């Protein structure tokens, strides 16, 4: 059975960081969306980056090189969220 492509949700420590990440990914034409932080992972208001797991090898190196490391990352498959190790 093939592994399903899940959403990756990245939460950053500040609005400035998420806006910088947005600009950077847009400049590189990488596929992502800005979404409200899911209440299941953090009940506080805010935005998060969301992209398909299949894009991680394109997106994560760009963010890390720009020192835009998320404060938390989650993998969403359907209604389920799990912590995601962005370093792997």
PDB file of N, CA and C in Angstrom:
ATOM      1  N   UNK A   1       0.842  -1.183   0.000  1.00  0.00           N
ATOM      2  CA  UNK A   1       0.000   0.000   0.000  1.00  0.00           C
ATOM      3  C   UNK A   1       0.885   1.244   0.000  1.00  0.00           C
ATOM      4  N   UNK A   2       0.604   2.189  -0.887  1.00  0.00           N
ATOM      5  CA  UNK A   2       1.394   3.413  -0.993  1.00  0.00           C
ATOM      6  C   UNK A   2       1.091   4.325   0.185  1.00  0.00           C
ATOM      7  N   UNK A   3       2.116   5.037   0.631  1.00  0.00           N
ATOM      8  CA  UNK A   3       1.929   5.984   1.728  1.00  0.00           C
ATOM      9  C   UNK A   3       1.174   7.199   1.211  1.00  0.00           C
ATOM     10  N   UNK A   4       0.229   7.664   1.975  1.00  0.00           N
ATOM     11  CA  UNK A   4      -0.562   8.829   1.585  1.00  0.00           C
ATOM     12  C   UNK A   4       0.234  10.101   1.802  1.00  0.00           C
ATOM     13  N   UNK A   5       0.000  11.078   0.944  1.00  0.00           N
ATOM     14  CA  UNK A   5       0.653  12.368   1.046  1.00  0.00           C
ATOM     15  C   UNK A   5      -0.110  13.214   2.053  1.00  0.00           C
ATOM     16  N   UNK A   6       0.491  13.492   3.184  1.00  0.00           N
ATOM     17  CA  UNK A   6      -0.168  14.223   4.260  1.00  0.00           C
ATOM     18  C   UNK A   6       0.217  15.697   4.211  1.00  0.00           C
ATOM     19  N   UNK A   7      -0.594  16.505   4.882  1.00  0.00           N
ATOM     20  CA  UNK A   7      -0.257  17.911   5.060  1.00  0.00           C
ATOM     21  C   UNK A   7       0.794  18.032   6.150  1.00  0.00           C
ATOM     22  N   UNK A   8       1.740  18.911   5.934  1.00  0.00           N
ATOM     23  CA  UNK A   8       2.698  19.298   6.957  1.00  0.00           C
ATOM     24  C   UNK A   8       2.314  20.715   7.387  1.00  0.00           C
ATOM     25  N   UNK A   9       2.193  20.918   8.682  1.00  0.00           N
ATOM     26  CA  UNK A   9       1.837  22.213   9.252  1.00  0.00           C
ATOM     27  C   UNK A   9       3.038  22.713  10.049  1.00  0.00           C
ATOM     28  N   UNK A  10       3.563  23.874   9.671  1.00  0.00           N
ATOM     29  CA  UNK A  10       4.697  24.472  10.391  1.00  0.00           C
ATOM     30  C   UNK A  10       4.223  25.698  11.162  1.00  0.00           C
ATOM     31  N   UNK A  11       4.548  25.721  12.444  1.00  0.00           N
ATOM     32  CA  UNK A  11       4.204  26.842  13.319  1.00  0.00           C
ATOM     33  C   UNK A  11       5.497  27.572  13.660  1.00  0.00           C
ATOM     34  N   UNK A  12       5.472  28.879  13.554  1.00  0.00           N
ATOM     35  CA  UNK A  12       6.657  29.696  13.832  1.00  0.00           C
ATOM     36  C   UNK A  12       6.453  30.508  15.107  1.00  0.00           C
ATOM     37  N   UNK A  13       7.546  30.973  15.667  1.00  0.00           N
ATOM     38  CA  UNK A  13       7.499  31.667  16.955  1.00  0.00           C
ATOM     39  C   UNK A  13       7.031  33.111  16.865  1.00  0.00           C
ATOM     40  N   UNK A  14       6.934  33.644  15.639  1.00  0.00           N
ATOM     41  CA  UNK A  14       6.484  35.032  15.506  1.00  0.00           C
ATOM     42  C   UNK A  14       5.823  35.247  14.151  1.00  0.00           C
ATOM     43  N   UNK A  15       4.999  36.291  14.083  1.00  0.00           N
ATOM     44  CA  UNK A  15       4.379  36.657  12.808  1.00  0.00           C
ATOM     45  C   UNK A  15       5.423  37.081  11.802  1.00  0.00           C
ATOM     46  N   UNK A  16       6.471  37.728  12.274  1.00  0.00           N
ATOM     47  CA  UNK A  16       7.538  38.158  11.367  1.00  0.00           C
ATOM     48  C   UNK A  16       8.165  36.963  10.661  1.00  0.00           C
ATOM     49  N   UNK A  17       8.438  35.896  11.418  1.00  0.00           N
ATOM     50  CA  UNK A  17       9.050  34.720  10.813  1.00  0.00           C
ATOM     51  C   UNK A  17       8.132  34.065   9.786  1.00  0.00           C
ATOM     52  N   UNK A  18       6.868  33.970  10.093  1.00  0.00           N
ATOM     53  CA  UNK A  18       5.970  33.321   9.125  1.00  0.00           C
ATOM     54  C   UNK A  18       5.814  34.176   7.869  1.00  0.00           C
ATOM     55  N   UNK A  19       5.790  35.493   8.024  1.00  0.00           N
ATOM     56  CA  UNK A  19       5.698  36.362   6.856  1.00  0.00           C
ATOM     57  C   UNK A  19       6.977  36.318   6.033  1.00  0.00           C
ATOM     58  N   UNK A  20       8.127  36.230   6.690  1.00  0.00           N
ATOM     59  CA  UNK A  20       9.390  36.072   5.956  1.00  0.00           C
ATOM     60  C   UNK A  20       9.422  34.743   5.214  1.00  0.00           C
ATOM     61  N   UNK A  21       8.935  33.683   5.862  1.00  0.00           N
ATOM     62  CA  UNK A  21       8.878  32.373   5.215  1.00  0.00           C
ATOM     63  C   UNK A  21       7.943  32.415   4.010  1.00  0.00           C
ATOM     64  N   UNK A  22       6.817  33.076   4.166  1.00  0.00           N
ATOM     65  CA  UNK A  22       5.872  33.221   3.049  1.00  0.00           C
ATOM     66  C   UNK A  22       6.540  33.908   1.863  1.00  0.00           C
ATOM     67  N   UNK A  23       7.200  35.045   2.112  1.00  0.00           N
ATOM     68  CA  UNK A  23       7.881  35.779   1.038  1.00  0.00           C
ATOM     69  C   UNK A  23       8.932  34.912   0.358  1.00  0.00           C
ATOM     70  N   UNK A  24       9.715  34.214   1.152  1.00  0.00           N
ATOM     71  CA  UNK A  24      10.790  33.381   0.618  1.00  0.00           C
ATOM     72  C   UNK A  24      10.235  32.269  -0.274  1.00  0.00           C
ATOM     73  N   UNK A  25       9.230  31.560   0.200  1.00  0.00           N
ATOM     74  CA  UNK A  25       8.665  30.460  -0.578  1.00  0.00           C
ATOM     75  C   UNK A  25       7.957  30.963  -1.830  1.00  0.00           C
ATOM     76  N   UNK A  26       7.309  32.111  -1.735  1.00  0.00           N
ATOM     77  CA  UNK A  26       6.689  32.707  -2.929  1.00  0.00           C
ATOM     78  C   UNK A  26       7.745  33.073  -3.961  1.00  0.00           C
ATOM     79  N   UNK A  27       8.860  33.678  -3.515  1.00  0.00           N
ATOM     80  CA  UNK A  27       9.941  34.055  -4.425  1.00  0.00           C
ATOM     81  C   UNK A  27      10.511  32.846  -5.160  1.00  0.00           C
ATOM     82  N   UNK A  28      10.494  31.689  -4.504  1.00  0.00           N
ATOM     83  CA  UNK A  28      11.047  30.460  -5.096  1.00  0.00           C
ATOM     84  C   UNK A  28       9.964  29.631  -5.792  1.00  0.00           C
ATOM     85  N   UNK A  29       8.740  30.169  -5.857  1.00  0.00           N
ATOM     86  CA  UNK A  29       7.611  29.482  -6.504  1.00  0.00           C
ATOM     87  C   UNK A  29       7.375  28.087  -5.944  1.00  0.00           C
ATOM     88  N   UNK A  30       7.478  27.954  -4.632  1.00  0.00           N
ATOM     89  CA  UNK A  30       7.240  26.666  -3.983  1.00  0.00           C
ATOM     90  C   UNK A  30       5.788  26.595  -3.508  1.00  0.00           C
ATOM     91  N   UNK A  31       5.183  25.415  -3.592  1.00  0.00           N
ATOM     92  CA  UNK A  31       3.761  25.280  -3.261  1.00  0.00           C
ATOM     93  C   UNK A  31       3.507  25.189  -1.757  1.00  0.00           C
ATOM     94  N   UNK A  32       2.710  26.107  -1.243  1.00  0.00           N
ATOM     95  CA  UNK A  32       2.337  26.125   0.172  1.00  0.00           C
ATOM     96  C   UNK A  32       1.091  26.975   0.301  1.00  0.00           C
ATOM     97  N   UNK A  33       0.468  26.926   1.447  1.00  0.00           N
ATOM     98  CA  UNK A  33      -0.616  27.843   1.771  1.00  0.00           C
ATOM     99  C   UNK A  33      -0.427  28.321   3.204  1.00  0.00           C
ATOM    100  N   UNK A  34      -0.946  29.494   3.489  1.00  0.00           N
ATOM    101  CA  UNK A  34      -1.016  29.982   4.861  1.00  0.00           C
ATOM    102  C   UNK A  34      -2.373  29.570   5.398  1.00  0.00           C
ATOM    103  N   UNK A  35      -2.366  29.000   6.584  1.00  0.00           N
ATOM    104  CA  UNK A  35      -3.610  28.537   7.201  1.00  0.00           C
ATOM    105  C   UNK A  35      -3.639  29.000   8.658  1.00  0.00           C
ATOM    106  N   UNK A  36      -4.826  29.114   9.229  1.00  0.00           N
ATOM    107  CA  UNK A  36      -4.873  29.355  10.675  1.00  0.00           C
ATOM    108  C   UNK A  36      -4.265  28.154  11.394  1.00  0.00           C
ATOM    109  N   UNK A  37      -3.553  28.407  12.477  1.00  0.00           N
ATOM    110  CA  UNK A  37      -2.995  27.300  13.256  1.00  0.00           C
ATOM    111  C   UNK A  37      -4.167  26.444  13.736  1.00  0.00           C
ATOM    112  N   UNK A  38      -4.158  25.148  13.408  1.00  0.00           N
ATOM    113  CA  UNK A  38      -5.268  24.292  13.844  1.00  0.00           C
ATOM    114  C   UNK A  38      -5.397  24.279  15.366  1.00  0.00           C
ATOM    115  N   UNK A  39      -6.606  24.431  15.847  1.00  0.00           N
ATOM    116  CA  UNK A  39      -6.838  24.458  17.301  1.00  0.00           C
ATOM    117  C   UNK A  39      -6.431  23.148  17.955  1.00  0.00           C
ATOM    118  N   UNK A  40      -6.378  22.061  17.183  1.00  0.00           N
ATOM    119  CA  UNK A  40      -5.972  20.769  17.730  1.00  0.00           C
ATOM    120  C   UNK A  40      -4.496  20.744  18.130  1.00  0.00           C
ATOM    121  N   UNK A  41      -3.686  21.622  17.532  1.00  0.00           N
ATOM    122  CA  UNK A  41      -2.257  21.638  17.863  1.00  0.00           C
ATOM    123  C   UNK A  41      -1.864  22.851  18.692  1.00  0.00           C
ATOM    124  N   UNK A  42      -2.625  23.950  18.577  1.00  0.00           N
ATOM    125  CA  UNK A  42      -2.320  25.145  19.348  1.00  0.00           C
ATOM    126  C   UNK A  42      -3.563  26.023  19.371  1.00  0.00           C
ATOM    127  N   UNK A  43      -4.169  26.213  20.518  1.00  0.00           N
ATOM    128  CA  UNK A  43      -5.419  26.975  20.575  1.00  0.00           C
ATOM    129  C   UNK A  43      -5.250  28.483  20.407  1.00  0.00           C
ATOM    130  N   UNK A  44      -4.023  28.972  20.393  1.00  0.00           N
ATOM    131  CA  UNK A  44      -3.792  30.409  20.220  1.00  0.00           C
ATOM    132  C   UNK A  44      -4.021  30.808  18.771  1.00  0.00           C
ATOM    133  N   UNK A  45      -4.336  32.082  18.581  1.00  0.00           N
ATOM    134  CA  UNK A  45      -4.506  32.592  17.225  1.00  0.00           C
ATOM    135  C   UNK A  45      -3.163  32.604  16.518  1.00  0.00           C
ATOM    136  N   UNK A  46      -3.202  32.608  15.222  1.00  0.00           N
ATOM    137  CA  UNK A  46      -1.975  32.705  14.463  1.00  0.00           C
ATOM    138  C   UNK A  46      -2.078  31.980  13.144  1.00  0.00           C
ATOM    139  N   UNK A  47      -1.039  32.129  12.369  1.00  0.00           N
ATOM    140  CA  UNK A  47      -0.962  31.501  11.063  1.00  0.00           C
ATOM    141  C   UNK A  47       0.112  30.432  11.058  1.00  0.00           C
ATOM    142  N   UNK A  48      -0.049  29.500  10.152  1.00  0.00           N
ATOM    143  CA  UNK A  48       0.932  28.437   9.971  1.00  0.00           C
ATOM    144  C   UNK A  48       1.128  28.227   8.477  1.00  0.00           C
ATOM    145  N   UNK A  49       2.275  27.660   8.125  1.00  0.00           N
ATOM    146  CA  UNK A  49       2.515  27.244   6.741  1.00  0.00           C
ATOM    147  C   UNK A  49       2.038  25.816   6.585  1.00  0.00           C
ATOM    148  N   UNK A  50       1.420  25.539   5.469  1.00  0.00           N
ATOM    149  CA  UNK A  50       0.946  24.190   5.193  1.00  0.00           C
ATOM    150  C   UNK A  50       1.431  23.795   3.798  1.00  0.00           C
ATOM    151  N   UNK A  51       1.957  22.584   3.675  1.00  0.00           N
ATOM    152  CA  UNK A  51       2.358  22.062   2.366  1.00  0.00           C
ATOM    153  C   UNK A  51       2.251  20.550   2.396  1.00  0.00           C
ATOM    154  N   UNK A  52       2.269  19.959   1.231  1.00  0.00           N
ATOM    155  CA  UNK A  52       2.165  18.512   1.140  1.00  0.00           C
ATOM    156  C   UNK A  52       3.513  17.884   1.511  1.00  0.00           C
ATOM    157  N   UNK A  53       3.445  16.778   2.207  1.00  0.00           N
ATOM    158  CA  UNK A  53       4.650  16.096   2.664  1.00  0.00           C
ATOM    159  C   UNK A  53       5.597  15.767   1.510  1.00  0.00           C
ATOM    160  N   UNK A  54       5.054  15.509   0.342  1.00  0.00           N
ATOM    161  CA  UNK A  54       5.888  15.202  -0.819  1.00  0.00           C
ATOM    162  C   UNK A  54       6.772  16.383  -1.226  1.00  0.00           C
ATOM    163  N   UNK A  55       6.475  17.586  -0.731  1.00  0.00           N
ATOM    164  CA  UNK A  55       7.261  18.785  -1.056  1.00  0.00           C
ATOM    165  C   UNK A  55       8.335  19.109  -0.019  1.00  0.00           C
ATOM    166  N   UNK A  56       8.440  18.292   1.037  1.00  0.00           N
ATOM    167  CA  UNK A  56       9.344  18.622   2.145  1.00  0.00           C
ATOM    168  C   UNK A  56      10.799  18.769   1.710  1.00  0.00           C
ATOM    169  N   UNK A  57      11.252  17.957   0.762  1.00  0.00           N
ATOM    170  CA  UNK A  57      12.648  18.031   0.323  1.00  0.00           C
ATOM    171  C   UNK A  57      12.940  19.277  -0.504  1.00  0.00           C
ATOM    172  N   UNK A  58      11.918  19.942  -0.962  1.00  0.00           N
ATOM    173  CA  UNK A  58      12.085  21.208  -1.678  1.00  0.00           C
ATOM    174  C   UNK A  58      11.955  22.396  -0.727  1.00  0.00           C
ATOM    175  N   UNK A  59      11.043  22.297   0.226  1.00  0.00           N
ATOM    176  CA  UNK A  59      10.706  23.441   1.073  1.00  0.00           C
ATOM    177  C   UNK A  59      11.599  23.559   2.306  1.00  0.00           C
ATOM    178  N   UNK A  60      11.817  22.467   3.017  1.00  0.00           N
ATOM    179  CA  UNK A  60      12.563  22.555   4.281  1.00  0.00           C
ATOM    180  C   UNK A  60      13.988  23.071   4.110  1.00  0.00           C
ATOM    181  N   UNK A  61      14.760  22.629   3.105  1.00  0.00           N
ATOM    182  CA  UNK A  61      16.116  23.179   2.967  1.00  0.00           C
ATOM    183  C   UNK A  61      16.126  24.692   2.739  1.00  0.00           C
ATOM    184  N   UNK A  62      15.137  25.201   2.021  1.00  0.00           N
ATOM    185  CA  UNK A  62      15.049  26.643   1.761  1.00  0.00           C
ATOM    186  C   UNK A  62      14.804  27.393   3.076  1.00  0.00           C
ATOM    187  N   UNK A  63      13.876  26.893   3.874  1.00  0.00           N
ATOM    188  CA  UNK A  63      13.581  27.545   5.154  1.00  0.00           C
ATOM    189  C   UNK A  63      14.772  27.472   6.112  1.00  0.00           C
ATOM    190  N   UNK A  64      15.380  26.313   6.194  1.00  0.00           N
ATOM    191  CA  UNK A  64      16.516  26.137   7.109  1.00  0.00           C
ATOM    192  C   UNK A  64      17.696  27.016   6.702  1.00  0.00           C
ATOM    193  N   UNK A  65      17.968  27.093   5.396  1.00  0.00           N
ATOM    194  CA  UNK A  65      19.076  27.938   4.914  1.00  0.00           C
ATOM    195  C   UNK A  65      18.846  29.407   5.253  1.00  0.00           C
ATOM    196  N   UNK A  66      17.595  29.821   5.330  1.00  0.00           N
ATOM    197  CA  UNK A  66      17.265  31.206   5.661  1.00  0.00           C
ATOM    198  C   UNK A  66      17.062  31.405   7.163  1.00  0.00           C
ATOM    199  N   UNK A  67      17.396  30.397   7.960  1.00  0.00           N
ATOM    200  CA  UNK A  67      17.237  30.432   9.412  1.00  0.00           C
ATOM    201  C   UNK A  67      15.776  30.687   9.811  1.00  0.00           C
ATOM    202  N   UNK A  68      14.866  30.087   9.049  1.00  0.00           N
ATOM    203  CA  UNK A  68      13.445  30.166   9.353  1.00  0.00           C
ATOM    204  C   UNK A  68      12.963  28.786   9.777  1.00  0.00           C
ATOM    205  N   UNK A  69      13.495  28.362  10.899  1.00  0.00           N
ATOM    206  CA  UNK A  69      13.173  27.043  11.439  1.00  0.00           C
ATOM    207  C   UNK A  69      11.881  27.164  12.251  1.00  0.00           C
ATOM    208  N   UNK A  70      10.912  26.298  12.003  1.00  0.00           N
ATOM    209  CA  UNK A  70       9.664  26.389  12.765  1.00  0.00           C
ATOM    210  C   UNK A  70       9.858  26.041  14.233  1.00  0.00           C
ATOM    211  N   UNK A  71       8.980  26.580  15.065  1.00  0.00           N
ATOM    212  CA  UNK A  71       9.021  26.235  16.489  1.00  0.00           C
ATOM    213  C   UNK A  71       8.339  24.905  16.741  1.00  0.00           C
ATOM    214  N   UNK A  72       7.444  24.509  15.832  1.00  0.00           N
ATOM    215  CA  UNK A  72       6.765  23.213  15.938  1.00  0.00           C
ATOM    216  C   UNK A  72       6.309  22.794  14.545  1.00  0.00           C
ATOM    217  N   UNK A  73       6.194  21.501  14.361  1.00  0.00           N
ATOM    218  CA  UNK A  73       5.740  20.966  13.078  1.00  0.00           C
ATOM    219  C   UNK A  73       4.831  19.775  13.333  1.00  0.00           C
ATOM    220  N   UNK A  74       3.821  19.659  12.483  1.00  0.00           N
ATOM    221  CA  UNK A  74       2.831  18.598  12.643  1.00  0.00           C
ATOM    222  C   UNK A  74       2.529  17.984  11.285  1.00  0.00           C
ATOM    223  N   UNK A  75       2.164  16.731  11.332  1.00  0.00           N
ATOM    224  CA  UNK A  75       1.731  16.001  10.141  1.00  0.00           C
ATOM    225  C   UNK A  75       0.238  15.740  10.312  1.00  0.00           C
ATOM    226  N   UNK A  76      -0.553  16.126   9.293  1.00  0.00           N
ATOM    227  CA  UNK A  76      -2.000  15.920   9.362  1.00  0.00           C
ATOM    228  C   UNK A  76      -2.410  14.958   8.255  1.00  0.00           C
ATOM    229  N   UNK A  77      -3.030  13.887   8.669  1.00  0.00           N
ATOM    230  CA  UNK A  77      -3.591  12.933   7.729  1.00  0.00           C
ATOM    231  C   UNK A  77      -5.051  12.775   8.111  1.00  0.00           C
ATOM    232  N   UNK A  78      -5.929  13.355   7.304  1.00  0.00           N
ATOM    233  CA  UNK A  78      -7.347  13.391   7.671  1.00  0.00           C
ATOM    234  C   UNK A  78      -7.518  14.268   8.893  1.00  0.00           C
ATOM    235  N   UNK A  79      -8.274  13.811   9.886  1.00  0.00           N
ATOM    236  CA  UNK A  79      -8.491  14.624  11.087  1.00  0.00           C
ATOM    237  C   UNK A  79      -7.393  14.444  12.137  1.00  0.00           C
ATOM    238  N   UNK A  80      -6.442  13.580  11.893  1.00  0.00           N
ATOM    239  CA  UNK A  80      -5.414  13.248  12.887  1.00  0.00           C
ATOM    240  C   UNK A  80      -4.164  14.113  12.715  1.00  0.00           C
ATOM    241  N   UNK A  81      -3.648  14.611  13.842  1.00  0.00           N
ATOM    242  CA  UNK A  81      -2.402  15.367  13.866  1.00  0.00           C
ATOM    243  C   UNK A  81      -1.372  14.610  14.679  1.00  0.00           C
ATOM    244  N   UNK A  82      -0.145  14.618  14.210  1.00  0.00           N
ATOM    245  CA  UNK A  82       0.947  14.061  15.006  1.00  0.00           C
ATOM    246  C   UNK A  82       2.148  14.984  14.867  1.00  0.00           C
ATOM    247  N   UNK A  83       2.978  14.978  15.884  1.00  0.00           N
ATOM    248  CA  UNK A  83       4.201  15.772  15.855  1.00  0.00           C
ATOM    249  C   UNK A  83       5.064  15.284  14.695  1.00  0.00           C
ATOM    250  N   UNK A  84       5.747  16.207  14.008  1.00  0.00           N
ATOM    251  CA  UNK A  84       6.547  15.847  12.848  1.00  0.00           C
ATOM    252  C   UNK A  84       7.964  16.366  13.040  1.00  0.00           C
ATOM    253  N   UNK A  85       8.945  15.509  12.805  1.00  0.00           N
ATOM    254  CA  UNK A  85      10.354  15.876  12.958  1.00  0.00           C
ATOM    255  C   UNK A  85      10.845  16.480  11.642  1.00  0.00           C
ATOM    256  N   UNK A  86      10.946  17.813  11.591  1.00  0.00           N
ATOM    257  CA  UNK A  86      11.344  18.485  10.349  1.00  0.00           C
ATOM    258  C   UNK A  86      12.812  18.292  10.010  1.00  0.00           C
ATOM    259  N   UNK A  87      13.604  17.741  10.929  1.00  0.00           N
ATOM    260  CA  UNK A  87      15.028  17.518  10.655  1.00  0.00           C
ATOM    261  C   UNK A  87      15.269  16.236   9.865  1.00  0.00           C
ATOM    262  N   UNK A  88      14.281  15.348   9.808  1.00  0.00           N
ATOM    263  CA  UNK A  88      14.518  14.078   9.107  1.00  0.00           C
ATOM    264  C   UNK A  88      14.367  14.202   7.619  1.00  0.00           C
TER     265      UNK A  88
END
